[in-house]
Each structure stands twice: as structure tokens, then as C-alpha cells.
């Protein structure tokens, strides 16, 4: 299990390094990407998607929690109760 996590982390690190190294070089508009650059771009896009998915879920979850908290506050205010201290 640790070995698998290490391999994933190493692959992500290499992809990130390739992405950063590829972005640092200025390319001419007419120049096409090589096979290695195309493969590293695909890996980098997959890594970015895998990182963004949990972050997006966390943001959605936080937004849902905020809406629920606001509804509870509104219900308390409508019932004539006091606002909870934050």
C-alpha cells in the first residue's frame, strides 16, 4: 500500500516537474510539440483533474453547509429565539 502511494506521488511529482519545465520555455507559434511533451501534458492534465476534484467537492460541501446554517439561523429568528453566539 505504501509502495503504491509512493509511486502515485512520484508520478505526480514528475508530471508537475514536466509541466513546470514545459511552461518555462517559450515556444514559437508554428512549432509542434513532441511525443514526450504531449504525453507529459496528458499526465499533467490528469493530475490536475485528480487534485481539483476533491477540492471542488470540498467547496461544494462547504457551500451546502453554509446554506444549511443560514436556514437554521432563519428558523431560529422566525421562532423568536435568540441568535446563537458564533
Protein backbone atom coordinates (compact mmCIF):
# COMPACT_ATOMS: atom_id res chain seq x y z
CA UNK A 1 0.00 0.00 0.00
CA UNK A 2 2.82 2.40 0.88
CA UNK A 3 4.61 1.47 -2.32
CA UNK A 4 1.54 2.31 -4.41
CA UNK A 5 1.15 5.69 -2.69
CA UNK A 6 4.84 6.38 -3.25
CA UNK A 7 4.52 5.57 -6.94
CA UNK A 8 1.49 7.85 -7.26
CA UNK A 9 3.33 10.66 -5.51
CA UNK A 10 6.40 10.15 -7.69
CA UNK A 11 4.29 10.20 -10.86
CA UNK A 12 2.54 13.37 -9.72
CA UNK A 13 5.90 14.95 -8.92
CA UNK A 14 7.32 14.07 -12.30
CA UNK A 15 4.21 15.32 -14.06
CA UNK A 16 4.33 18.58 -12.12
CA UNK A 17 8.02 18.97 -12.88
CA UNK A 18 7.37 18.32 -16.57
CA UNK A 19 4.53 20.80 -16.59
CA UNK A 20 6.61 23.49 -14.92
CA UNK A 21 9.61 22.82 -17.15
CA UNK A 22 7.43 22.84 -20.24
CA UNK A 23 5.75 26.08 -19.27
CA UNK A 24 9.04 27.85 -18.62
CA UNK A 25 10.24 27.54 -22.19
CA UNK A 26 8.89 29.94 -24.78
CA UNK A 27 7.71 28.12 -27.90
CA UNK A 28 7.28 29.52 -31.35
CA UNK A 29 3.72 29.54 -32.65
CA UNK A 30 4.48 27.28 -35.61
CA UNK A 31 6.44 24.72 -33.56
CA UNK A 32 4.69 21.42 -32.80
CA UNK A 33 5.02 19.51 -29.54
CA UNK A 34 6.98 16.30 -29.44
CA UNK A 35 5.63 12.94 -28.32
CA UNK A 36 7.17 13.26 -24.86
CA UNK A 37 5.73 16.73 -24.37
CA UNK A 38 2.29 15.57 -25.47
CA UNK A 39 2.42 12.62 -23.07
CA UNK A 40 3.58 14.80 -20.19
CA UNK A 41 0.78 17.27 -20.95
CA UNK A 42 -1.80 14.47 -20.80
CA UNK A 43 -0.40 13.24 -17.49
CA UNK A 44 -0.33 16.78 -16.12
CA UNK A 45 -3.96 17.37 -17.09
CA UNK A 46 -4.99 14.11 -15.40
CA UNK A 47 -3.08 15.05 -12.25
CA UNK A 48 -4.67 18.50 -12.17
CA UNK A 49 -8.13 16.94 -12.57
CA UNK A 50 -7.44 14.45 -9.75
CA UNK A 51 -6.31 17.27 -7.48
CA UNK A 52 -9.19 19.59 -8.38
CA UNK A 53 -11.97 17.01 -7.91
CA UNK A 54 -11.62 16.70 -4.11
CA UNK A 55 -11.12 20.45 -3.81
CA UNK A 56 -14.30 21.13 -5.79
CA UNK A 57 -16.19 18.61 -3.65
CA UNK A 58 -14.93 20.33 -0.51
CA UNK A 59 -16.03 23.74 -1.81
CA UNK A 60 -19.46 22.36 -2.71
CA UNK A 61 -19.77 20.73 0.70
CA UNK A 62 -18.82 23.98 2.43
CA UNK A 63 -21.37 25.91 0.37
CA UNK A 64 -24.07 23.40 1.29
CA UNK A 65 -23.12 23.64 4.96
CA UNK A 66 -23.31 27.46 4.79
CA UNK A 67 -26.79 27.29 3.25
CA UNK A 68 -27.96 24.87 5.95
CA UNK A 69 -26.53 27.08 8.70
CA UNK A 70 -28.30 30.11 7.24
CA UNK A 71 -31.60 28.22 7.10
CA UNK A 72 -31.21 27.18 10.73
CA UNK A 73 -30.48 30.77 11.74
CA UNK A 74 -33.55 31.99 9.85
CA UNK A 75 -35.72 29.36 11.54
CA UNK A 76 -34.43 30.37 14.98
CA UNK A 77 -35.09 34.04 14.25
CA UNK A 78 -38.60 33.29 12.99
CA UNK A 79 -39.42 31.29 16.10
CA UNK A 80 -38.46 34.26 18.27
CA UNK A 81 -35.34 32.66 19.70
CA UNK A 82 -32.01 34.27 20.21
CA UNK A 83 -29.22 34.16 17.69
CA UNK A 84 -26.60 31.55 18.54
CA UNK A 85 -23.25 33.01 19.52
CA UNK A 86 -20.51 32.39 16.99
